Amino acid sequence: HLPRVHPKLAGLVELGGSFAGAYQLKRGLFMPWELKHVLPANVVHEGLRKLAPPNRLAALLTPEPRTDFAKVAALEAGQYMRNQLLRDTDWASMAHSLEVRVPLVDVHLLAAIAPLLVHNPPMVGKPLLANAPRRPLPTAVKQHLKSGFSTPLQTWMRSANELGAWQRVPLLREPNCPWARRLAYALGDVMLGG
């Protein structure tokens, strides 16, 4: 019995030759050829036809950004930030009755500061921002390490019976299967009524 090749490694030849394809490999939870193992064939066919992931990603690169950094930034802003980070910020803040503002994704602000970003390397952006206020931020604030937030999804999956549908799918029962793949399947199953 040969070890199974990681699906993203298997897709390197097909998708790795373009920024859009490489991005799909990086951020995709399931590769297109795996979907038949977790969804009915008609859903896979219709979903891939309507969503057209390669075309959607390629459209984010039109007109083509001039630098590799700009290409990755366009893909991240158009996909991961829009569909994941902003959505997560929205539901997490609403769950705690907080109003969150995300001014750095405002198109008018970005257009105004774009010339500054062209002349400064990407890694100096946050120090420039921290030093921008007329009244300086305290040193402790400026030197505070970045911290994110997470949710205990993996723990919830172990304790919630209704999230156990992934156990019916051989692909998802593999020992090294990422919990996010299991969760995506389980939530889909719950939403579709099991």
N, C-alpha and C. Protein backbone atom coordinates (compact mmCIF):
# COMPACT_ATOMS: atom_id res chain seq x y z
N HIS A 1 0.84 -1.17 0.00
CA HIS A 1 0.00 0.00 0.00
C HIS A 1 0.89 1.24 0.00
N LEU A 2 0.82 2.00 -1.06
CA LEU A 2 1.64 3.21 -1.19
C LEU A 2 1.00 4.36 -0.44
N PRO A 3 1.83 5.23 0.16
CA PRO A 3 1.25 6.40 0.84
C PRO A 3 0.56 7.31 -0.17
N ARG A 4 -0.54 7.91 0.25
CA ARG A 4 -1.31 8.80 -0.61
C ARG A 4 -0.55 10.11 -0.81
N VAL A 5 -0.49 10.57 -2.04
CA VAL A 5 0.17 11.85 -2.35
C VAL A 5 -0.76 12.98 -1.89
N HIS A 6 -0.20 13.98 -1.24
CA HIS A 6 -1.00 15.12 -0.79
C HIS A 6 -1.67 15.75 -2.01
N PRO A 7 -2.97 16.06 -1.93
CA PRO A 7 -3.68 16.58 -3.10
C PRO A 7 -3.09 17.87 -3.66
N LYS A 8 -2.54 18.69 -2.80
CA LYS A 8 -1.97 19.94 -3.30
C LYS A 8 -0.67 19.67 -4.05
N LEU A 9 0.09 18.69 -3.60
CA LEU A 9 1.30 18.31 -4.31
C LEU A 9 0.93 17.72 -5.67
N ALA A 10 -0.14 16.93 -5.68
CA ALA A 10 -0.60 16.34 -6.93
C ALA A 10 -1.05 17.42 -7.92
N GLY A 11 -1.52 18.57 -7.43
CA GLY A 11 -2.00 19.63 -8.31
C GLY A 11 -0.94 20.62 -8.72
N LEU A 12 0.28 20.45 -8.24
CA LEU A 12 1.34 21.41 -8.54
C LEU A 12 1.59 21.54 -10.04
N VAL A 13 1.60 20.43 -10.74
CA VAL A 13 1.86 20.46 -12.19
C VAL A 13 0.72 21.17 -12.92
N GLU A 14 -0.51 20.86 -12.53
CA GLU A 14 -1.66 21.45 -13.23
C GLU A 14 -1.87 22.92 -12.89
N LEU A 15 -1.71 23.29 -11.61
CA LEU A 15 -2.07 24.63 -11.18
C LEU A 15 -0.89 25.54 -10.86
N GLY A 16 0.28 24.98 -10.66
CA GLY A 16 1.40 25.76 -10.16
C GLY A 16 2.06 26.70 -11.16
N GLY A 17 1.65 26.69 -12.41
CA GLY A 17 2.32 27.51 -13.42
C GLY A 17 1.82 28.93 -13.54
N SER A 18 0.83 29.32 -12.75
CA SER A 18 0.31 30.69 -12.81
C SER A 18 0.06 31.18 -11.39
N PHE A 19 -0.02 32.50 -11.24
CA PHE A 19 -0.32 33.04 -9.92
C PHE A 19 -1.70 32.60 -9.45
N ALA A 20 -2.68 32.64 -10.35
CA ALA A 20 -4.04 32.24 -9.98
C ALA A 20 -4.07 30.77 -9.57
N GLY A 21 -3.40 29.91 -10.32
CA GLY A 21 -3.36 28.49 -9.98
C GLY A 21 -2.63 28.23 -8.68
N ALA A 22 -1.49 28.89 -8.49
CA ALA A 22 -0.73 28.73 -7.25
C ALA A 22 -1.54 29.22 -6.07
N TYR A 23 -2.30 30.28 -6.27
CA TYR A 23 -3.15 30.80 -5.20
C TYR A 23 -4.23 29.79 -4.84
N GLN A 24 -4.80 29.15 -5.84
CA GLN A 24 -5.82 28.13 -5.58
C GLN A 24 -5.21 26.98 -4.78
N LEU A 25 -3.99 26.61 -5.11
CA LEU A 25 -3.31 25.57 -4.33
C LEU A 25 -3.09 26.00 -2.89
N LYS A 26 -2.70 27.24 -2.70
CA LYS A 26 -2.41 27.75 -1.36
C LYS A 26 -3.66 27.85 -0.50
N ARG A 27 -4.70 28.43 -1.04
CA ARG A 27 -5.87 28.74 -0.23
C ARG A 27 -7.03 27.75 -0.37
N GLY A 28 -7.01 26.90 -1.39
CA GLY A 28 -8.12 25.98 -1.60
C GLY A 28 -8.21 24.93 -0.51
N LEU A 29 -9.40 24.71 0.01
CA LEU A 29 -9.59 23.70 1.03
C LEU A 29 -9.64 22.30 0.41
N PHE A 30 -10.36 22.18 -0.69
CA PHE A 30 -10.40 20.94 -1.46
C PHE A 30 -9.98 21.27 -2.89
N MET A 31 -9.24 20.42 -3.48
CA MET A 31 -8.88 20.59 -4.88
C MET A 31 -10.06 20.13 -5.74
N PRO A 32 -10.21 20.68 -6.94
CA PRO A 32 -11.38 20.34 -7.77
C PRO A 32 -11.58 18.83 -7.95
N TRP A 33 -10.50 18.09 -8.11
CA TRP A 33 -10.62 16.65 -8.34
C TRP A 33 -10.98 15.87 -7.08
N GLU A 34 -10.95 16.50 -5.92
CA GLU A 34 -11.34 15.83 -4.67
C GLU A 34 -12.82 16.00 -4.37
N LEU A 35 -13.45 16.97 -4.99
CA LEU A 35 -14.82 17.31 -4.65
C LEU A 35 -15.78 16.14 -4.83
N LYS A 36 -15.50 15.26 -5.77
CA LYS A 36 -16.39 14.11 -6.01
C LYS A 36 -16.45 13.18 -4.80
N HIS A 37 -15.48 13.31 -3.88
CA HIS A 37 -15.47 12.47 -2.69
C HIS A 37 -16.29 13.06 -1.55
N VAL A 38 -16.66 14.33 -1.66
CA VAL A 38 -17.38 14.98 -0.57
C VAL A 38 -18.72 15.59 -0.97
N LEU A 39 -19.00 15.62 -2.27
CA LEU A 39 -20.25 16.20 -2.76
C LEU A 39 -20.82 15.33 -3.88
N PRO A 40 -22.13 15.39 -4.08
CA PRO A 40 -22.71 14.68 -5.22
C PRO A 40 -22.15 15.22 -6.54
N ALA A 41 -22.02 14.34 -7.52
CA ALA A 41 -21.40 14.70 -8.80
C ALA A 41 -22.11 15.87 -9.47
N ASN A 42 -23.43 15.91 -9.42
CA ASN A 42 -24.15 17.01 -10.08
C ASN A 42 -23.86 18.35 -9.39
N VAL A 43 -23.68 18.35 -8.08
CA VAL A 43 -23.37 19.57 -7.34
C VAL A 43 -21.97 20.05 -7.72
N VAL A 44 -21.03 19.10 -7.82
CA VAL A 44 -19.66 19.44 -8.19
C VAL A 44 -19.64 20.05 -9.59
N HIS A 45 -20.28 19.38 -10.52
CA HIS A 45 -20.29 19.85 -11.91
C HIS A 45 -20.90 21.25 -12.02
N GLU A 46 -22.07 21.43 -11.42
CA GLU A 46 -22.76 22.71 -11.51
C GLU A 46 -22.00 23.80 -10.75
N GLY A 47 -21.46 23.47 -9.59
CA GLY A 47 -20.72 24.44 -8.80
C GLY A 47 -19.47 24.93 -9.51
N LEU A 48 -18.70 23.99 -10.07
CA LEU A 48 -17.48 24.38 -10.79
C LEU A 48 -17.82 25.17 -12.05
N ARG A 49 -18.93 24.82 -12.68
CA ARG A 49 -19.35 25.56 -13.88
C ARG A 49 -19.73 27.00 -13.52
N LYS A 50 -20.54 27.15 -12.47
CA LYS A 50 -21.01 28.49 -12.09
C LYS A 50 -19.91 29.33 -11.45
N LEU A 51 -19.13 28.72 -10.58
CA LEU A 51 -18.11 29.50 -9.86
C LEU A 51 -16.86 29.72 -10.70
N ALA A 52 -16.52 28.77 -11.56
CA ALA A 52 -15.35 28.87 -12.44
C ALA A 52 -14.13 29.44 -11.70
N PRO A 53 -13.61 28.73 -10.69
CA PRO A 53 -12.51 29.27 -9.88
C PRO A 53 -11.32 29.80 -10.68
N PRO A 54 -10.82 29.09 -11.70
CA PRO A 54 -9.67 29.66 -12.42
C PRO A 54 -9.98 31.01 -13.07
N ASN A 55 -11.18 31.15 -13.64
CA ASN A 55 -11.56 32.41 -14.28
C ASN A 55 -11.74 33.52 -13.24
N ARG A 56 -12.34 33.17 -12.10
CA ARG A 56 -12.57 34.15 -11.04
C ARG A 56 -11.25 34.68 -10.50
N LEU A 57 -10.30 33.79 -10.28
CA LEU A 57 -8.99 34.21 -9.78
C LEU A 57 -8.23 35.02 -10.83
N ALA A 58 -8.29 34.57 -12.07
CA ALA A 58 -7.61 35.29 -13.15
C ALA A 58 -8.19 36.70 -13.30
N ALA A 59 -9.49 36.86 -13.09
CA ALA A 59 -10.13 38.18 -13.21
C ALA A 59 -9.58 39.15 -12.16
N LEU A 60 -9.17 38.63 -11.01
CA LEU A 60 -8.60 39.50 -9.98
C LEU A 60 -7.24 40.06 -10.41
N LEU A 61 -6.65 39.43 -11.41
CA LEU A 61 -5.34 39.88 -11.91
C LEU A 61 -5.46 40.65 -13.22
N THR A 62 -6.66 41.16 -13.50
CA THR A 62 -6.89 41.94 -14.72
C THR A 62 -7.37 43.32 -14.33
N PRO A 63 -6.67 44.37 -14.72
CA PRO A 63 -5.42 44.36 -15.46
C PRO A 63 -4.30 43.79 -14.59
N GLU A 64 -3.31 43.25 -15.24
CA GLU A 64 -2.25 42.53 -14.53
C GLU A 64 -1.40 43.48 -13.68
N PRO A 65 -1.34 43.22 -12.38
CA PRO A 65 -0.45 44.03 -11.53
C PRO A 65 1.00 43.91 -11.99
N ARG A 66 1.77 44.96 -11.77
CA ARG A 66 3.13 45.01 -12.30
C ARG A 66 4.15 44.15 -11.56
N THR A 67 3.93 43.93 -10.28
CA THR A 67 4.92 43.18 -9.51
C THR A 67 4.30 41.90 -8.96
N ASP A 68 5.16 40.95 -8.61
CA ASP A 68 4.67 39.72 -8.00
C ASP A 68 3.96 40.01 -6.68
N PHE A 69 4.53 40.94 -5.90
CA PHE A 69 3.90 41.32 -4.63
C PHE A 69 2.49 41.84 -4.88
N ALA A 70 2.33 42.68 -5.88
CA ALA A 70 1.02 43.26 -6.19
C ALA A 70 0.04 42.19 -6.66
N LYS A 71 0.52 41.17 -7.37
CA LYS A 71 -0.34 40.08 -7.81
C LYS A 71 -0.88 39.31 -6.62
N VAL A 72 0.01 38.98 -5.69
CA VAL A 72 -0.42 38.25 -4.50
C VAL A 72 -1.37 39.12 -3.67
N ALA A 73 -1.05 40.42 -3.55
CA ALA A 73 -1.92 41.33 -2.79
C ALA A 73 -3.31 41.40 -3.42
N ALA A 74 -3.39 41.45 -4.74
CA ALA A 74 -4.69 41.50 -5.42
C ALA A 74 -5.49 40.23 -5.16
N LEU A 75 -4.83 39.09 -5.20
CA LEU A 75 -5.52 37.82 -4.93
C LEU A 75 -5.97 37.74 -3.48
N GLU A 76 -5.11 38.14 -2.56
CA GLU A 76 -5.47 38.09 -1.13
C GLU A 76 -6.63 39.04 -0.83
N ALA A 77 -6.58 40.25 -1.38
CA ALA A 77 -7.64 41.23 -1.11
C ALA A 77 -8.96 40.80 -1.75
N GLY A 78 -8.89 40.25 -2.94
CA GLY A 78 -10.10 39.88 -3.66
C GLY A 78 -10.72 38.57 -3.22
N GLN A 79 -9.97 37.74 -2.55
CA GLN A 79 -10.49 36.44 -2.13
C GLN A 79 -10.44 36.26 -0.61
N TYR A 80 -9.25 36.04 -0.07
CA TYR A 80 -9.11 35.67 1.34
C TYR A 80 -9.60 36.77 2.27
N MET A 81 -9.20 38.00 2.03
CA MET A 81 -9.63 39.08 2.90
C MET A 81 -11.14 39.29 2.78
N ARG A 82 -11.63 39.36 1.56
CA ARG A 82 -13.06 39.63 1.33
C ARG A 82 -13.93 38.48 1.84
N ASN A 83 -13.58 37.26 1.50
CA ASN A 83 -14.47 36.13 1.78
C ASN A 83 -14.21 35.43 3.11
N GLN A 84 -13.08 35.68 3.74
CA GLN A 84 -12.76 35.00 4.98
C GLN A 84 -12.55 36.00 6.12
N LEU A 85 -11.52 36.82 6.01
CA LEU A 85 -11.16 37.69 7.13
C LEU A 85 -12.23 38.71 7.48
N LEU A 86 -12.78 39.39 6.48
CA LEU A 86 -13.81 40.38 6.76
C LEU A 86 -15.10 39.72 7.26
N ARG A 87 -15.42 38.57 6.71
CA ARG A 87 -16.60 37.84 7.17
C ARG A 87 -16.42 37.39 8.62
N ASP A 88 -15.24 36.85 8.95
CA ASP A 88 -14.98 36.41 10.32
C ASP A 88 -15.01 37.58 11.29
N THR A 89 -14.43 38.70 10.89
CA THR A 89 -14.44 39.89 11.74
C THR A 89 -15.88 40.34 11.98
N ASP A 90 -16.69 40.28 10.94
CA ASP A 90 -18.08 40.70 11.04
C ASP A 90 -18.86 39.84 12.02
N TRP A 91 -18.81 38.51 11.85
CA TRP A 91 -19.61 37.67 12.75
C TRP A 91 -19.07 37.68 14.16
N ALA A 92 -17.74 37.73 14.32
CA ALA A 92 -17.16 37.72 15.67
C ALA A 92 -17.50 39.02 16.40
N SER A 93 -17.46 40.14 15.70
CA SER A 93 -17.78 41.40 16.36
C SER A 93 -19.27 41.50 16.67
N MET A 94 -20.12 41.07 15.75
CA MET A 94 -21.56 41.12 16.00
C MET A 94 -21.95 40.21 17.15
N ALA A 95 -21.28 39.08 17.30
CA ALA A 95 -21.58 38.16 18.39
C ALA A 95 -21.33 38.79 19.75
N HIS A 96 -20.50 39.83 19.79
CA HIS A 96 -20.18 40.51 21.05
C HIS A 96 -20.65 41.96 21.06
N SER A 97 -21.60 42.27 20.16
CA SER A 97 -22.17 43.61 20.07
C SER A 97 -21.12 44.70 19.90
N LEU A 98 -20.12 44.42 19.07
CA LEU A 98 -19.08 45.39 18.78
C LEU A 98 -19.24 45.92 17.36
N GLU A 99 -18.92 47.18 17.20
CA GLU A 99 -18.89 47.77 15.87
C GLU A 99 -17.43 47.86 15.45
N VAL A 100 -17.07 47.17 14.40
CA VAL A 100 -15.68 47.15 13.94
C VAL A 100 -15.58 47.93 12.64
N ARG A 101 -14.59 48.79 12.58
CA ARG A 101 -14.32 49.55 11.36
C ARG A 101 -13.03 49.02 10.75
N VAL A 102 -13.01 48.88 9.46
CA VAL A 102 -11.81 48.41 8.77
C VAL A 102 -11.39 49.47 7.74
N PRO A 103 -10.87 50.60 8.22
CA PRO A 103 -10.58 51.72 7.31
C PRO A 103 -9.51 51.40 6.29
N LEU A 104 -8.62 50.46 6.58
CA LEU A 104 -7.53 50.20 5.64
C LEU A 104 -7.97 49.40 4.42
N VAL A 105 -9.24 49.05 4.34
CA VAL A 105 -9.74 48.43 3.11
C VAL A 105 -10.65 49.39 2.35
N ASP A 106 -10.69 50.64 2.77
CA ASP A 106 -11.48 51.64 2.08
C ASP A 106 -10.79 52.01 0.77
N VAL A 107 -11.50 51.93 -0.34
CA VAL A 107 -10.92 52.15 -1.65
C VAL A 107 -10.38 53.57 -1.80
N HIS A 108 -11.05 54.54 -1.20
CA HIS A 108 -10.59 55.93 -1.32
C HIS A 108 -9.28 56.14 -0.54
N LEU A 109 -9.20 55.55 0.65
CA LEU A 109 -7.97 55.66 1.43
C LEU A 109 -6.83 54.95 0.70
N LEU A 110 -7.10 53.76 0.19
CA LEU A 110 -6.04 53.03 -0.53
C LEU A 110 -5.57 53.79 -1.75
N ALA A 111 -6.48 54.42 -2.46
CA ALA A 111 -6.08 55.21 -3.63
C ALA A 111 -5.21 56.39 -3.22
N ALA A 112 -5.51 56.99 -2.07
CA ALA A 112 -4.74 58.15 -1.61
C ALA A 112 -3.33 57.76 -1.16
N ILE A 113 -3.19 56.58 -0.55
CA ILE A 113 -1.87 56.19 -0.04
C ILE A 113 -1.08 55.32 -1.01
N ALA A 114 -1.70 54.91 -2.09
CA ALA A 114 -1.00 54.04 -3.06
C ALA A 114 0.33 54.61 -3.51
N PRO A 115 0.43 55.92 -3.83
CA PRO A 115 1.73 56.45 -4.25
C PRO A 115 2.81 56.28 -3.18
N LEU A 116 2.43 56.38 -1.91
CA LEU A 116 3.40 56.18 -0.82
C LEU A 116 3.88 54.74 -0.77
N LEU A 117 2.96 53.81 -1.03
CA LEU A 117 3.32 52.39 -0.96
C LEU A 117 4.25 51.98 -2.08
N VAL A 118 4.14 52.64 -3.22
CA VAL A 118 5.00 52.33 -4.37
C VAL A 118 6.45 52.65 -4.05
N HIS A 119 6.67 53.71 -3.29
CA HIS A 119 8.03 54.17 -3.01
C HIS A 119 8.63 53.59 -1.73
N ASN A 120 7.85 52.83 -0.98
CA ASN A 120 8.34 52.21 0.25
C ASN A 120 8.18 50.70 0.16
N PRO A 121 9.17 49.97 0.61
CA PRO A 121 9.03 48.51 0.60
C PRO A 121 7.81 48.08 1.41
N PRO A 122 7.17 46.98 1.05
CA PRO A 122 5.93 46.56 1.71
C PRO A 122 6.06 46.38 3.23
N MET A 123 7.23 46.02 3.72
CA MET A 123 7.36 45.74 5.14
C MET A 123 7.45 46.99 6.00
N VAL A 124 7.51 48.17 5.43
CA VAL A 124 7.57 49.38 6.24
C VAL A 124 6.19 50.03 6.38
N GLY A 125 5.16 49.43 5.82
CA GLY A 125 3.83 50.01 5.85
C GLY A 125 3.27 50.20 7.25
N LYS A 126 3.38 49.20 8.13
CA LYS A 126 2.81 49.32 9.46
C LYS A 126 3.55 50.33 10.32
N PRO A 127 4.89 50.36 10.28
CA PRO A 127 5.57 51.42 11.04
C PRO A 127 5.18 52.82 10.55
N LEU A 128 5.01 52.98 9.24
CA LEU A 128 4.56 54.27 8.71
C LEU A 128 3.19 54.62 9.28
N LEU A 129 2.30 53.66 9.33
CA LEU A 129 0.96 53.87 9.85
C LEU A 129 1.01 54.20 11.35
N ALA A 130 1.83 53.46 12.10
CA ALA A 130 1.93 53.69 13.54
C ALA A 130 2.49 55.08 13.86
N ASN A 131 3.32 55.60 12.98
CA ASN A 131 3.91 56.92 13.22
C ASN A 131 3.09 58.06 12.61
N ALA A 132 1.96 57.74 11.99
CA ALA A 132 1.16 58.75 11.30
C ALA A 132 0.37 59.70 12.21
N PRO A 133 -0.15 59.28 13.35
CA PRO A 133 -0.97 60.20 14.15
C PRO A 133 -0.19 61.44 14.60
N ARG A 134 -0.91 62.56 14.65
CA ARG A 134 -0.26 63.81 15.11
C ARG A 134 0.23 63.65 16.54
N ARG A 135 -0.61 63.05 17.39
CA ARG A 135 -0.18 62.75 18.75
C ARG A 135 0.38 61.34 18.72
N PRO A 136 1.67 61.15 18.94
CA PRO A 136 2.30 59.83 18.78
C PRO A 136 1.66 58.75 19.66
N LEU A 137 1.59 57.58 19.09
CA LEU A 137 1.12 56.43 19.87
C LEU A 137 2.17 56.10 20.93
N PRO A 138 1.75 55.57 22.07
CA PRO A 138 2.72 55.16 23.08
C PRO A 138 3.64 54.07 22.52
N THR A 139 4.87 54.06 22.97
CA THR A 139 5.85 53.07 22.51
C THR A 139 5.33 51.65 22.73
N ALA A 140 4.68 51.43 23.87
CA ALA A 140 4.16 50.08 24.18
C ALA A 140 3.16 49.61 23.12
N VAL A 141 2.37 50.53 22.60
CA VAL A 141 1.40 50.18 21.55
C VAL A 141 2.14 49.86 20.26
N LYS A 142 3.11 50.69 19.91
CA LYS A 142 3.84 50.49 18.65
C LYS A 142 4.69 49.22 18.68
N GLN A 143 5.15 48.81 19.84
CA GLN A 143 6.00 47.62 19.93
C GLN A 143 5.24 46.36 20.28
N HIS A 144 3.94 46.48 20.50
CA HIS A 144 3.14 45.31 20.85
C HIS A 144 3.13 44.30 19.69
N LEU A 145 3.40 43.06 20.00
CA LEU A 145 3.42 42.03 18.96
C LEU A 145 2.03 41.81 18.41
N LYS A 146 1.99 41.47 17.15
CA LYS A 146 0.72 41.19 16.48
C LYS A 146 0.06 39.99 17.16
N SER A 147 -1.24 40.08 17.34
CA SER A 147 -1.97 38.94 17.90
C SER A 147 -3.27 38.79 17.13
N GLY A 148 -3.58 37.58 16.82
CA GLY A 148 -4.79 37.30 16.08
C GLY A 148 -5.86 36.77 17.01
N PHE A 149 -6.90 36.25 16.43
CA PHE A 149 -7.92 35.60 17.23
C PHE A 149 -8.23 34.27 16.57
N SER A 150 -8.67 33.36 17.38
CA SER A 150 -9.05 32.07 16.82
C SER A 150 -10.33 31.61 17.50
N THR A 151 -10.93 30.65 16.91
CA THR A 151 -12.13 30.06 17.48
C THR A 151 -11.83 28.60 17.78
N PRO A 152 -12.47 28.04 18.78
CA PRO A 152 -12.19 26.65 19.17
C PRO A 152 -12.93 25.62 18.31
N LEU A 153 -12.85 25.79 16.99
CA LEU A 153 -13.62 24.92 16.09
C LEU A 153 -13.25 23.46 16.22
N GLN A 154 -11.96 23.19 16.36
CA GLN A 154 -11.53 21.79 16.46
C GLN A 154 -12.14 21.14 17.72
N THR A 155 -12.18 21.87 18.81
CA THR A 155 -12.77 21.36 20.04
C THR A 155 -14.27 21.16 19.86
N TRP A 156 -14.93 22.12 19.22
CA TRP A 156 -16.36 21.98 18.99
C TRP A 156 -16.67 20.74 18.17
N MET A 157 -15.82 20.47 17.20
CA MET A 157 -16.06 19.31 16.34
C MET A 157 -15.99 18.01 17.13
N ARG A 158 -15.11 17.95 18.11
CA ARG A 158 -14.99 16.73 18.91
C ARG A 158 -16.19 16.54 19.84
N SER A 159 -16.83 17.64 20.23
CA SER A 159 -17.90 17.54 21.22
C SER A 159 -19.31 17.63 20.64
N ALA A 160 -19.46 18.09 19.43
CA ALA A 160 -20.79 18.28 18.84
C ALA A 160 -21.14 17.10 17.93
N ASN A 161 -22.13 16.33 18.33
CA ASN A 161 -22.54 15.16 17.54
C ASN A 161 -22.96 15.54 16.12
N GLU A 162 -23.64 16.68 15.98
CA GLU A 162 -24.13 17.06 14.65
C GLU A 162 -23.01 17.44 13.69
N LEU A 163 -21.78 17.58 14.19
CA LEU A 163 -20.65 17.89 13.31
C LEU A 163 -19.82 16.66 12.97
N GLY A 164 -20.35 15.48 13.22
CA GLY A 164 -19.59 14.26 12.99
C GLY A 164 -19.81 13.61 11.62
N ALA A 165 -20.54 14.28 10.74
CA ALA A 165 -20.85 13.69 9.42
C ALA A 165 -19.60 13.37 8.62
N TRP A 166 -18.51 14.10 8.85
CA TRP A 166 -17.27 13.87 8.10
C TRP A 166 -16.76 12.45 8.28
N GLN A 167 -17.13 11.80 9.36
CA GLN A 167 -16.63 10.44 9.63
C GLN A 167 -17.13 9.42 8.61
N ARG A 168 -18.15 9.77 7.85
CA ARG A 168 -18.69 8.87 6.81
C ARG A 168 -17.86 8.91 5.52
N VAL A 169 -16.93 9.86 5.39
CA VAL A 169 -16.20 10.08 4.15
C VAL A 169 -14.75 9.59 4.31
N PRO A 170 -14.36 8.54 3.58
CA PRO A 170 -12.99 8.00 3.73
C PRO A 170 -11.89 9.04 3.58
N LEU A 171 -12.03 9.94 2.63
CA LEU A 171 -11.03 10.98 2.42
C LEU A 171 -10.81 11.82 3.68
N LEU A 172 -11.88 12.05 4.42
CA LEU A 172 -11.80 12.90 5.61
C LEU A 172 -11.41 12.13 6.87
N ARG A 173 -11.45 10.80 6.80
CA ARG A 173 -11.04 9.98 7.95
C ARG A 173 -9.55 9.72 8.01
N GLU A 174 -8.83 10.13 6.97
CA GLU A 174 -7.38 9.90 6.97
C GLU A 174 -6.76 10.60 8.17
N PRO A 175 -5.78 9.96 8.80
CA PRO A 175 -5.22 10.48 10.06
C PRO A 175 -4.70 11.92 9.99
N ASN A 176 -4.10 12.31 8.91
CA ASN A 176 -3.53 13.66 8.83
C ASN A 176 -4.44 14.67 8.14
N CYS A 177 -5.70 14.34 8.02
CA CYS A 177 -6.65 15.25 7.36
C CYS A 177 -6.80 16.51 8.22
N PRO A 178 -6.62 17.69 7.63
CA PRO A 178 -6.80 18.92 8.40
C PRO A 178 -8.23 19.07 8.92
N TRP A 179 -8.35 19.55 10.13
CA TRP A 179 -9.67 19.69 10.75
C TRP A 179 -10.57 20.65 9.95
N ALA A 180 -9.98 21.62 9.26
CA ALA A 180 -10.78 22.58 8.50
C ALA A 180 -11.55 21.89 7.37
N ARG A 181 -10.96 20.87 6.79
CA ARG A 181 -11.67 20.12 5.73
C ARG A 181 -12.86 19.38 6.34
N ARG A 182 -12.63 18.78 7.50
CA ARG A 182 -13.71 18.06 8.17
C ARG A 182 -14.83 19.01 8.56
N LEU A 183 -14.45 20.16 9.07
CA LEU A 183 -15.45 21.14 9.49
C LEU A 183 -16.27 21.63 8.29
N ALA A 184 -15.62 21.92 7.18
CA ALA A 184 -16.33 22.40 6.00
C ALA A 184 -17.37 21.37 5.56
N TYR A 185 -16.98 20.11 5.56
CA TYR A 185 -17.93 19.06 5.17
C TYR A 185 -19.08 18.97 6.18
N ALA A 186 -18.73 18.98 7.47
CA ALA A 186 -19.74 18.83 8.51
C ALA A 186 -20.75 19.98 8.48
N LEU A 187 -20.26 21.21 8.30
CA LEU A 187 -21.17 22.35 8.24
C LEU A 187 -22.07 22.29 7.01
N GLY A 188 -21.49 21.87 5.89
CA GLY A 188 -22.30 21.69 4.69
C GLY A 188 -23.40 20.66 4.90
N ASP A 189 -23.04 19.59 5.58
CA ASP A 189 -24.02 18.53 5.87
C ASP A 189 -25.13 19.05 6.76
N VAL A 190 -24.78 19.83 7.78
CA VAL A 190 -25.79 20.40 8.69
C VAL A 190 -26.68 21.36 7.91
N MET A 191 -26.08 22.21 7.07
CA MET A 191 -26.86 23.20 6.32
C MET A 191 -27.81 22.54 5.33
N LEU A 192 -27.38 21.40 4.77
CA LEU A 192 -28.22 20.71 3.79
C LEU A 192 -29.18 19.72 4.44
N GLY A 193 -29.17 19.67 5.76
CA GLY A 193 -30.11 18.82 6.47
C GLY A 193 -29.69 17.39 6.63
N GLY A 194 -28.38 17.12 6.51
CA GLY A 194 -27.82 15.80 6.77
C GLY A 194 -28.25 14.80 5.78
